[in-house]
Protein backbone atom coordinates (compact mmCIF):
# COMPACT_ATOMS: atom_id res chain seq x y z
CA MET A 1 0.00 0.00 0.00
CA ALA A 2 1.34 3.42 -0.97
CA ALA A 3 2.15 5.81 1.85
CA ALA A 4 -0.57 8.40 2.44
CA PRO A 5 0.30 11.90 1.19
CA VAL A 6 0.61 14.80 3.60
CA TRP A 7 -1.02 17.94 2.23
CA SER A 8 -0.69 21.54 3.25
CA VAL A 9 -4.22 22.98 3.43
CA ASP A 10 -5.41 26.59 3.35
CA PRO A 11 -7.82 27.01 6.30
CA ARG A 12 -9.29 30.13 4.72
CA THR A 13 -10.74 28.03 1.88
CA GLY A 14 -10.32 24.41 2.93
CA ASN A 15 -8.42 23.75 -0.31
CA PRO A 16 -5.17 21.75 -0.52
CA ARG A 17 -2.12 23.88 -1.29
CA GLU A 18 0.64 21.37 -1.95
CA GLN A 19 1.77 17.90 -1.04
CA VAL A 20 4.54 18.33 1.51
CA ALA A 21 5.50 14.78 2.44
CA VAL A 22 4.11 11.30 2.99
CA GLU A 23 3.14 9.72 6.27
CA ALA A 24 6.00 7.80 7.85
CA THR A 25 5.80 4.03 7.97
CA ALA A 26 6.73 2.02 11.05
CA GLU A 27 10.08 1.24 9.42
CA GLU A 28 10.74 4.94 8.78
CA VAL A 29 9.88 5.83 12.37
CA ASP A 30 12.30 3.16 13.52
CA ARG A 31 15.08 4.55 11.30
CA ALA A 32 14.45 8.10 12.54
CA VAL A 33 14.57 7.07 16.20
CA ARG A 34 17.67 4.93 15.72
CA ALA A 35 19.46 7.76 13.91
CA ALA A 36 18.55 10.14 16.74
CA HIS A 37 19.73 7.60 19.32
CA ALA A 38 23.05 7.29 17.50
CA ALA A 39 23.46 11.10 17.63
CA ARG A 40 23.28 11.33 21.44
CA ALA A 41 27.04 11.48 22.04
CA SER A 42 27.40 14.40 19.64
CA LEU A 43 25.36 16.59 22.01
CA ALA A 44 27.59 15.92 25.02
CA ASP A 45 29.63 19.13 24.67
CA ARG A 46 27.73 21.95 26.38
CA THR A 47 29.58 24.67 24.50
CA VAL A 48 28.64 23.15 21.15
CA ARG A 49 25.02 22.69 22.23
CA ALA A 50 24.69 26.32 23.27
CA ALA A 51 26.23 27.53 20.01
CA PHE A 52 23.90 25.25 18.02
CA LEU A 53 20.82 26.70 19.75
CA ARG A 54 21.96 30.26 19.07
CA THR A 55 22.61 29.50 15.41
CA ALA A 56 19.18 27.90 15.13
CA ALA A 57 17.65 31.12 16.49
CA ASP A 58 19.68 33.19 14.03
CA LEU A 59 18.65 31.08 11.04
CA LEU A 60 14.98 31.31 12.03
CA ALA A 61 15.27 35.08 12.27
CA GLU A 62 17.06 35.31 8.92
CA ALA A 63 14.34 33.21 7.26
CA GLN A 64 11.55 35.19 8.95
CA GLU A 65 9.81 36.28 5.75
CA HIS A 66 9.57 32.73 4.36
CA VAL A 67 8.65 31.13 7.69
CA ILE A 68 5.84 33.60 8.38
CA GLU A 69 4.53 33.31 4.84
CA ALA A 70 4.37 29.52 5.13
CA ALA A 71 2.83 29.58 8.59
CA ASP A 72 0.16 32.13 7.68
CA ALA A 73 -0.82 30.18 4.57
CA GLU A 74 -1.41 27.08 6.71
CA THR A 75 -2.89 28.57 9.90
CA ALA A 76 -4.50 31.92 8.97
CA LEU A 77 -3.05 33.36 12.19
CA GLY A 78 -1.85 36.49 10.40
CA PRO A 79 1.59 38.04 9.89
CA ALA A 80 1.44 40.26 13.00
CA ARG A 81 0.71 37.39 15.37
CA LEU A 82 3.23 35.09 13.65
CA THR A 83 5.96 37.75 13.67
CA GLY A 84 5.65 37.94 17.45
CA GLU A 85 5.58 34.17 17.73
CA LEU A 86 8.74 33.79 15.65
CA ALA A 87 10.53 36.35 17.84
CA ARG A 88 9.41 34.44 20.93
CA THR A 89 10.60 31.14 19.43
CA ALA A 90 14.04 32.52 18.63
CA ALA A 91 14.22 34.05 22.12
CA GLN A 92 13.40 30.64 23.63
CA LEU A 93 16.28 29.03 21.77
CA ARG A 94 18.67 31.74 22.93
CA ALA A 95 17.35 31.54 26.50
CA PHE A 96 18.07 27.81 26.65
CA ALA A 97 21.55 28.46 25.27
CA GLU A 98 22.10 30.69 28.30
CA VAL A 99 20.77 27.95 30.58
CA VAL A 100 23.27 25.52 29.09
CA ASP A 101 26.15 28.00 29.45
CA GLU A 102 25.38 28.72 33.09
CA GLY A 103 25.10 25.03 34.02
CA ALA A 104 22.86 25.38 37.09
CA TYR A 105 20.42 22.91 35.48
CA LEU A 106 23.00 20.17 36.20
CA ASP A 107 22.10 20.55 39.90
CA ILE A 108 25.56 19.50 41.07
CA HIS A 109 25.95 18.33 44.68
CA ILE A 110 29.23 17.15 46.18
CA ASP A 111 29.37 15.69 49.69
CA HIS A 112 32.87 14.70 50.82
CA GLU A 113 33.51 11.61 52.89
CA ASP A 114 32.78 12.26 56.57
CA GLY A 115 33.37 9.45 59.04
CA SER A 116 32.24 11.55 62.00
CA ARG A 117 28.58 11.34 60.97
CA THR A 118 26.23 8.63 62.20
CA PRO A 119 26.04 6.68 60.00
CA PRO A 120 29.25 7.75 58.20
CA TRP A 121 29.00 9.48 54.84
CA PRO A 122 30.90 8.12 51.84
CA ASP A 123 32.06 10.51 49.13
CA LEU A 124 28.94 11.26 47.03
CA ARG A 125 28.72 13.34 43.86
CA ARG A 126 25.42 13.95 42.06
CA TYR A 127 24.34 15.67 38.87
CA LYS A 128 21.80 15.29 36.09
CA ILE A 129 22.22 13.57 32.75
CA PRO A 130 20.05 13.57 29.59
CA LEU A 131 17.38 10.88 29.30
CA GLY A 132 17.93 10.08 25.63
CA VAL A 133 15.75 10.48 22.54
CA VAL A 134 12.72 12.73 23.14
CA ALA A 135 9.51 12.50 21.09
CA VAL A 136 7.81 15.88 20.62
CA TYR A 137 4.20 16.16 19.45
CA ALA A 138 3.67 19.58 17.90
CA ALA A 139 0.69 21.81 18.72
CA SER A 140 -1.82 23.09 16.17
CA ASN A 141 -2.27 26.61 17.55
CA PHE A 142 1.39 27.64 17.78
CA PRO A 143 3.12 26.54 14.56
CA LEU A 144 6.45 27.89 15.82
CA ALA A 145 6.58 28.33 19.61
CA PHE A 146 5.02 24.92 20.40
CA SER A 147 5.97 23.10 17.23
CA VAL A 148 9.16 21.93 15.52
CA PRO A 149 11.46 24.75 16.80
CA GLY A 150 9.40 25.35 19.95
CA GLY A 151 9.94 25.03 23.67
CA ASP A 152 9.82 21.24 23.93
CA THR A 153 12.41 20.87 21.18
CA ALA A 154 14.62 23.70 22.47
CA SER A 155 14.62 22.44 26.07
CA ALA A 156 15.26 18.82 25.05
CA LEU A 157 18.18 19.78 22.81
CA ALA A 158 19.51 22.00 25.60
CA ALA A 159 19.42 19.00 27.93
CA GLY A 160 21.46 17.02 25.42
CA CYS A 161 18.59 14.93 24.06
CA PRO A 162 18.08 14.34 20.32
CA VAL A 163 14.50 15.04 19.20
CA VAL A 164 12.07 13.36 16.82
CA VAL A 165 9.11 15.65 16.17
CA LYS A 166 5.74 14.34 15.08
CA ALA A 167 4.58 17.31 13.00
CA HIS A 168 1.05 18.61 13.34
CA PRO A 169 -1.05 18.04 10.20
CA ASP A 170 -2.28 21.64 10.24
CA HIS A 171 1.12 23.07 9.28
CA PRO A 172 3.32 20.42 7.60
CA ALA A 173 5.07 22.82 5.23
CA THR A 174 6.01 25.16 8.09
CA SER A 175 7.26 22.14 10.04
CA GLU A 176 9.50 20.97 7.19
CA LEU A 177 10.88 24.47 6.66
CA CYS A 178 11.70 24.94 10.35
CA ALA A 179 13.23 21.46 10.57
CA SER A 180 15.52 22.24 7.64
CA LEU A 181 16.75 25.38 9.44
CA LEU A 182 17.46 23.51 12.69
CA ARG A 183 19.20 20.69 10.85
CA ARG A 184 21.35 23.25 8.98
CA ALA A 185 22.25 24.86 12.31
CA ALA A 186 23.33 21.47 13.65
CA ALA A 187 25.54 20.81 10.61
CA GLN A 188 27.22 24.20 10.99
CA HIS A 189 28.52 23.05 14.39
CA GLY A 190 29.61 19.59 13.29
CA LEU A 191 26.57 17.86 14.75
CA PRO A 192 24.65 15.14 12.90
CA GLU A 193 21.51 16.57 11.33
CA ASP A 194 19.60 13.70 12.93
CA VAL A 195 19.73 15.42 16.32
CA LEU A 196 16.40 16.79 14.99
CA THR A 197 14.06 14.82 12.72
CA VAL A 198 10.46 15.38 11.65
CA ILE A 199 7.93 12.66 10.85
CA HIS A 200 4.30 12.88 9.73
CA GLY A 201 1.17 10.82 10.28
CA PHE A 202 -1.15 9.69 13.08
CA GLU A 203 0.05 6.08 13.10
CA ALA A 204 3.64 7.30 13.00
CA GLY A 205 2.96 9.26 16.18
CA VAL A 206 1.70 6.14 17.92
CA GLU A 207 4.71 4.13 16.74
CA LEU A 208 6.97 6.89 18.01
CA VAL A 209 5.76 6.86 21.63
CA ARG A 210 6.00 3.06 21.68
CA HIS A 211 9.55 2.87 20.29
CA PRO A 212 11.89 1.27 22.84
CA LEU A 213 14.65 3.83 22.18
CA VAL A 214 12.40 6.84 22.92
CA SER A 215 13.05 7.89 26.51
CA ALA A 216 10.46 10.67 27.06
CA ALA A 217 7.73 12.58 25.26
CA GLY A 218 6.28 16.09 25.18
CA PHE A 219 2.80 16.80 23.85
CA THR A 220 0.51 19.81 23.38
CA GLY A 221 -3.00 19.17 22.12
CA SER A 222 -6.40 17.73 22.96
CA ILE A 223 -7.38 15.72 26.02
CA ARG A 224 -8.46 12.80 23.86
CA GLY A 225 -5.26 12.61 21.79
CA GLY A 226 -2.95 13.36 24.69
CA ARG A 227 -4.56 10.84 26.99
CA ALA A 228 -4.25 8.10 24.33
CA LEU A 229 -0.53 8.77 23.96
CA PHE A 230 -0.08 9.11 27.74
CA ASP A 231 -1.68 5.69 28.22
CA ALA A 232 0.52 4.21 25.48
CA ALA A 233 3.63 5.64 27.16
CA ALA A 234 2.58 4.12 30.48
CA ALA A 235 1.70 0.74 28.92
CA ARG A 236 5.14 0.17 27.41
CA PRO A 237 7.27 -2.65 28.85
CA ALA A 238 9.51 0.19 30.07
CA PRO A 239 7.18 3.17 30.74
CA ILE A 240 8.52 6.63 29.95
CA PRO A 241 7.75 10.14 31.23
CA PHE A 242 4.99 11.78 29.18
CA HIS A 243 4.73 15.53 29.64
CA GLY A 244 1.41 16.43 28.05
CA GLU A 245 -0.56 19.66 27.95
CA LEU A 246 -4.12 18.56 27.25
CA GLY A 247 -6.74 21.20 27.99
CA SER A 248 -7.63 24.12 30.23
CA LEU A 249 -10.67 26.23 31.12
CA ASN A 250 -8.60 29.02 32.75
CA PRO A 251 -11.21 30.34 35.20
CA VAL A 252 -11.53 34.00 36.13
CA VAL A 253 -13.12 35.28 39.35
CA VAL A 254 -14.32 38.89 39.31
CA THR A 255 -15.11 40.12 42.78
CA GLU A 256 -18.18 42.29 43.33
CA ALA A 257 -15.96 45.18 44.38
CA ALA A 258 -13.85 44.85 41.24
CA ALA A 259 -16.94 44.84 39.02
CA ALA A 260 -18.22 47.96 40.79
CA GLU A 261 -14.87 49.74 40.51
CA ARG A 262 -13.99 48.95 36.88
CA GLY A 263 -16.56 46.62 35.37
CA GLU A 264 -16.35 48.22 31.92
CA GLN A 265 -12.58 47.84 31.83
CA ILE A 266 -12.78 44.21 32.94
CA GLY A 267 -15.48 43.40 30.38
CA ALA A 268 -13.47 44.94 27.55
CA GLY A 269 -10.29 43.19 28.66
CA LEU A 270 -12.07 39.86 28.88
CA GLY A 271 -13.48 40.30 25.40
CA GLY A 272 -10.06 41.02 23.96
CA SER A 273 -8.45 38.08 25.73
CA MET A 274 -11.07 35.43 24.88
CA THR A 275 -11.20 36.36 21.18
CA MET A 276 -7.44 36.66 20.70
CA GLY A 277 -6.27 34.37 17.92
CA ALA A 278 -9.89 33.31 17.27
CA GLY A 279 -10.04 31.96 20.81
CA GLN A 280 -7.40 29.35 20.06
CA PHE A 281 -4.95 30.15 22.86
CA CYS A 282 -4.46 27.37 25.41
CA THR A 283 -4.71 30.11 28.07
CA LYS A 284 -7.98 31.62 26.81
CA PRO A 285 -10.21 32.62 29.75
CA GLY A 286 -13.02 30.16 29.06
CA PHE A 287 -14.99 30.44 32.31
CA VAL A 288 -15.72 33.59 34.30
CA PHE A 289 -17.44 34.25 37.62
CA ALA A 290 -19.23 37.62 37.53
CA PRO A 291 -21.59 38.97 40.19
CA THR A 292 -25.29 39.42 39.64
CA GLY A 293 -26.66 42.93 39.97
CA GLU A 294 -25.85 46.27 38.36
CA ALA A 295 -22.04 46.00 38.59
CA GLY A 296 -22.03 42.63 36.86
CA ASP A 297 -24.50 43.92 34.26
CA GLN A 298 -22.12 46.77 33.37
CA LEU A 299 -19.30 44.25 32.94
CA LEU A 300 -21.45 42.17 30.58
CA LYS A 301 -22.46 45.27 28.63
CA ALA A 302 -18.79 46.08 27.95
CA LEU A 303 -18.09 42.44 27.11
CA THR A 304 -21.02 42.46 24.67
CA GLU A 305 -19.72 45.58 22.93
CA THR A 306 -16.21 44.20 22.61
CA VAL A 307 -17.22 40.76 21.36
CA SER A 308 -19.85 42.17 19.00
CA GLY A 309 -17.16 44.32 17.42
CA THR A 310 -14.92 41.33 16.77
CA GLY A 311 -15.02 40.20 13.14
CA ALA A 312 -15.49 36.62 12.00
CA GLY A 313 -12.33 34.55 12.32
CA VAL A 314 -10.74 31.57 10.61
CA MET A 315 -9.89 28.63 12.83
CA LEU A 316 -6.87 26.42 12.28
CA ASP A 317 -8.80 23.82 10.30
CA HIS A 318 -12.35 22.99 9.33
CA ARG A 319 -12.54 20.07 11.75
CA MET A 320 -11.96 22.47 14.65
CA ARG A 321 -14.44 24.91 13.16
CA ASP A 322 -17.17 22.26 12.97
CA ALA A 323 -16.43 21.09 16.54
CA PHE A 324 -16.71 24.68 17.78
CA VAL A 325 -20.02 25.31 16.02
CA GLN A 326 -21.49 22.08 17.36
CA GLY A 327 -20.06 22.59 20.85
CA VAL A 328 -21.44 26.09 21.37
CA ALA A 329 -24.85 25.09 19.99
CA GLU A 330 -25.12 22.22 22.46
CA ARG A 331 -24.13 24.43 25.37
CA ALA A 332 -26.48 27.27 24.36
CA ALA A 333 -29.42 24.85 24.31
CA LEU A 334 -29.07 23.99 28.01
CA PRO A 335 -31.75 25.29 30.43
CA ASP A 336 -31.09 28.77 31.87
CA VAL A 337 -28.20 29.37 29.46
CA GLU A 338 -28.42 32.62 27.52
CA ALA A 339 -26.28 33.96 24.66
CA PRO A 340 -26.04 37.78 24.79
CA VAL A 341 -23.75 37.44 21.76
CA THR A 342 -24.37 34.16 19.94
CA PRO A 343 -21.20 32.26 19.02
CA GLY A 344 -21.16 29.93 16.03
CA ALA A 345 -20.65 29.85 12.28
CA GLY A 346 -19.62 33.18 10.82
CA GLY A 347 -19.61 31.90 7.26
CA GLU A 348 -18.65 28.84 5.26
CA HIS A 349 -15.06 28.95 6.49
CA THR A 350 -15.27 31.22 9.56
CA VAL A 351 -16.66 31.44 13.09
CA SER A 352 -18.21 34.29 15.01
CA ALA A 353 -17.24 35.07 18.59
CA GLY A 354 -19.74 35.12 21.43
CA PHE A 355 -20.35 34.27 25.06
CA LEU A 356 -22.87 32.39 27.18
CA THR A 357 -24.25 33.17 30.63
CA VAL A 358 -25.61 30.81 33.26
CA PRO A 359 -26.56 31.13 36.95
CA ALA A 360 -23.64 29.81 39.00
CA ARG A 361 -25.98 27.71 41.12
CA ARG A 362 -26.67 25.56 38.03
CA LEU A 363 -23.06 24.39 38.13
CA ALA A 364 -22.73 23.60 41.83
CA GLN A 365 -23.82 19.99 41.38
CA GLU A 366 -23.33 17.31 38.74
CA GLY A 367 -25.73 17.50 35.82
CA PRO A 368 -26.11 18.34 32.11
CA HIS A 369 -24.57 21.77 32.70
CA ASP A 370 -21.22 20.06 33.32
CA ALA A 371 -20.53 20.64 29.62
CA LEU A 372 -19.99 24.30 30.55
CA LEU A 373 -17.07 23.19 32.74
CA GLU A 374 -15.28 21.66 29.75
CA GLU A 375 -13.01 23.58 27.39
CA CYS A 376 -14.60 24.67 24.11
CA PHE A 377 -11.77 25.50 21.70
CA GLY A 378 -12.57 28.73 19.89
CA PRO A 379 -13.83 32.29 20.53
CA VAL A 380 -16.34 31.68 23.33
CA THR A 381 -16.41 32.04 27.10
CA VAL A 382 -18.97 31.11 29.75
CA VAL A 383 -19.97 33.71 32.36
CA ALA A 384 -21.40 32.24 35.57
CA ARG A 385 -23.40 34.86 37.47
CA TYR A 386 -23.07 34.38 41.23
CA ASP A 387 -25.07 35.71 44.17
CA SER A 388 -22.62 34.83 46.94
CA ALA A 389 -19.04 33.76 47.64
CA ASP A 390 -20.38 30.34 48.60
CA GLU A 391 -21.48 29.77 45.01
CA ILE A 392 -17.97 30.56 43.79
CA THR A 393 -16.51 28.06 46.26
CA ALA A 394 -19.00 25.37 45.28
CA VAL A 395 -18.23 25.66 41.56
CA LEU A 396 -14.47 26.02 41.99
CA SER A 397 -14.45 22.73 43.87
CA ARG A 398 -15.82 21.03 40.75
CA LEU A 399 -13.42 22.48 38.19
CA PRO A 400 -10.80 20.30 36.52
CA GLY A 401 -7.13 21.30 36.64
CA ASN A 402 -6.06 24.38 34.69
CA LEU A 403 -3.02 26.13 33.31
CA THR A 404 -4.13 29.46 34.76
CA ALA A 405 -6.60 31.02 37.18
CA THR A 406 -7.23 34.76 37.38
CA LEU A 407 -8.55 36.96 40.17
CA GLN A 408 -9.87 40.42 39.35
CA ILE A 409 -9.97 42.54 42.51
CA ALA A 410 -10.64 46.16 43.45
CA THR A 411 -7.95 48.50 44.71
CA GLU A 412 -9.22 48.21 48.27
CA GLU A 413 -8.93 44.40 48.16
CA ALA A 414 -5.18 44.51 47.59
CA ASP A 415 -4.78 45.00 51.34
CA GLY A 416 -5.13 41.25 51.84
CA SER A 417 -8.91 40.93 52.06
CA ALA A 418 -8.91 38.91 48.82
CA ALA A 419 -6.39 36.39 50.19
CA GLY A 420 -9.09 33.79 50.77
CA LEU A 421 -10.15 33.78 47.13
CA LEU A 422 -6.55 33.63 45.98
CA ALA A 423 -6.03 30.61 48.22
CA GLU A 424 -9.07 28.93 46.67
CA LEU A 425 -7.72 29.50 43.15
CA THR A 426 -4.19 28.28 43.85
CA PRO A 427 -4.99 24.52 43.93
CA VAL A 428 -6.84 24.84 40.62
CA ALA A 429 -4.00 26.06 38.38
CA GLY A 430 -0.29 26.29 37.73
CA ARG A 431 -0.21 30.07 37.21
CA VAL A 432 -2.38 32.43 39.25
CA LEU A 433 -2.86 36.01 38.02
CA VAL A 434 -4.24 39.08 39.76
CA ASN A 435 -5.76 41.87 37.65
CA GLY A 436 -4.39 40.61 34.36
CA TRP A 437 -5.35 38.27 31.54
CA PRO A 438 -3.79 34.85 31.00
CA THR A 439 -3.31 35.01 27.23
CA GLY A 440 0.39 35.60 26.82
CA VAL A 441 2.99 33.43 28.55
CA ALA A 442 6.30 35.14 29.29
CA VAL A 443 9.38 33.03 28.60
CA ALA A 444 10.99 33.77 31.97
CA PRO A 445 12.88 31.75 34.59
CA ALA A 446 10.02 32.00 37.10
CA GLN A 447 7.34 31.00 34.58
CA HIS A 448 5.21 27.90 35.11
CA HIS A 449 3.11 26.67 32.20
CA GLY A 450 1.39 23.58 33.54
CA GLY A 451 -1.18 22.61 36.10
CA PRO A 452 -3.24 19.81 37.64
CA TYR A 453 -4.68 17.22 35.26
CA PRO A 454 -6.02 17.59 32.59
CA ALA A 455 -4.07 20.83 32.10
CA THR A 456 -0.93 18.69 32.14
CA THR A 457 -0.01 15.09 32.86
CA SER A 458 2.98 16.01 35.03
CA THR A 459 3.95 18.72 37.50
CA SER A 460 6.52 20.23 35.13
CA THR A 461 6.44 23.40 33.05
CA SER A 462 6.77 23.54 29.28
CA VAL A 463 7.77 27.23 29.28
CA GLY A 464 10.71 28.86 31.04
CA ALA A 465 14.16 27.75 32.06
CA THR A 466 13.03 24.88 34.28
CA ALA A 467 11.37 23.15 31.30
CA ILE A 468 14.78 21.55 30.75
CA GLU A 469 14.30 19.46 33.89
CA ARG A 470 11.77 17.24 32.08
CA TRP A 471 14.49 15.64 29.99
CA LEU A 472 17.05 14.94 32.72
CA ARG A 473 17.55 12.38 35.46
CA PRO A 474 19.88 12.48 38.48
CA VAL A 475 22.74 10.06 39.04
CA SER A 476 25.10 9.82 42.03
CA TYR A 477 28.67 8.50 42.05
CA GLN A 478 29.85 7.03 45.33
CA SER A 479 33.51 6.64 46.36
CA THR A 480 34.58 7.04 42.74
CA PRO A 481 38.24 7.78 41.87
CA GLU A 482 38.79 11.29 40.55
CA ALA A 483 39.95 10.14 37.12
CA LEU A 484 36.76 8.15 36.60
CA LEU A 485 34.39 10.95 37.50
CA PRO A 486 32.62 13.08 34.87
CA PRO A 487 34.51 16.41 34.52
CA GLU A 488 31.60 18.30 36.09
CA LEU A 489 31.96 16.33 39.34
CA ARG A 490 35.71 16.45 39.79
CA GLU A 491 37.26 18.45 42.62
CA ALA A 492 38.52 21.21 40.36
CA ASN A 493 35.87 23.37 38.78
CA PRO A 494 37.58 25.19 35.88
CA GLN A 495 34.26 25.93 34.19
CA GLY A 496 32.94 27.63 37.33
CA LEU A 497 29.76 25.57 37.35
CA PRO A 498 27.28 26.38 40.14
CA ARG A 499 27.30 23.59 42.70
CA ARG A 500 26.67 22.83 46.35
CA VAL A 501 29.67 21.35 48.19
CA ASP A 502 29.17 19.90 51.66
CA GLY A 503 25.86 21.70 51.86
CA ARG A 504 27.17 25.11 50.83
CA ARG A 505 26.88 26.97 47.54
CA SER A 506 30.17 27.40 45.76
């Protein structure tokens, strides 16, 4: 049987653009993984790795015009959005080069032999080593930052792990172009190009996570797809870590005082955040608590004006468009659910933004309204109108895990009176915001992009410097002669690596 073709499709029309590749067979997946496995030793030199990441960033920036053109043709995300995303992607690569240069990620601990302790201590030296080949499953909604050259790939390469990327079918041409740039960057530093390989096809993705030489996986996508791969990773004879980002509602709590103080501003900000990128951000605020009464009504009036002024948008593919149209229709048909601005089909190839309202008490117990507590991918949010703080508590206790949770407070509540609500939100999400909007994830050392299941399948972050930790494991050497130790653990420290010796930073 001939291999299935992989087509680049224009989401603005639904028409095929060009055949980019063919879906990888099981034999081709095996060859890709084995080639990556054979390239592991080439990534051992930290200086070379850092230089490779910087060159990859430079080549992406140099090819900006072609990369953005390809990505826009396949995703309809627009040049402005994609220009920012490319800059962020290049910055991520450079940031991980700095992480590699500094070396703190190695987490070096040296404890010298001490016979005076009870029981005595032997000489122990610990650091972290790369896991091996990493499988990366690219996201649909970020064709650069969470795809072939994105954070999973950058952090894995920084850790010293070769990467095999299963490209997303929504942007195969962009994936191939970015892969060619990263492979060229590798060659410029004497590394095998197979430190980064791209494969295509659903079955190829399943074969990839099951391959015995794959040591870990990173995924960004749907709950259904991510859970299937997570289960496959756990069912292997030798299970592997699976770091998946699956779905998030990203709740927002607007206090009554905040709505009274600046309801119009909050409503306008919410409208801008939930429609950004046609509502296809993983951090879209998809569920909002707003008070009943005049203050809440003013908030909804501003939200209505903002959303009504948002033009029809193109989603990443027609499958997602159809799922959005069906999903919002089913939710809008539930008892006591109203649609001040009706979301749905905006045209043959587009969707229109909107929002739904429901009394919060409807969500306090299990029932058909539970659909409102599930992510609906696209430009829609659900506003739960509450009468009391008890209703907020009751609904929060039923929410699944999230990437973010946001608290909108009044100026007077910054004195600590909102601490109780903040404490209720903290167990729900990995990033908690006050008086901001969650769309937009800074690539910073203190960032955490993850959360309780189903937001992610692990406690790790996929954004920020500590994302590198997903692809490492610790190993200790006990009573090992100096000449046999890895250079990083020897007594001398010519590279000036950060480490803790006998319990003290050095």
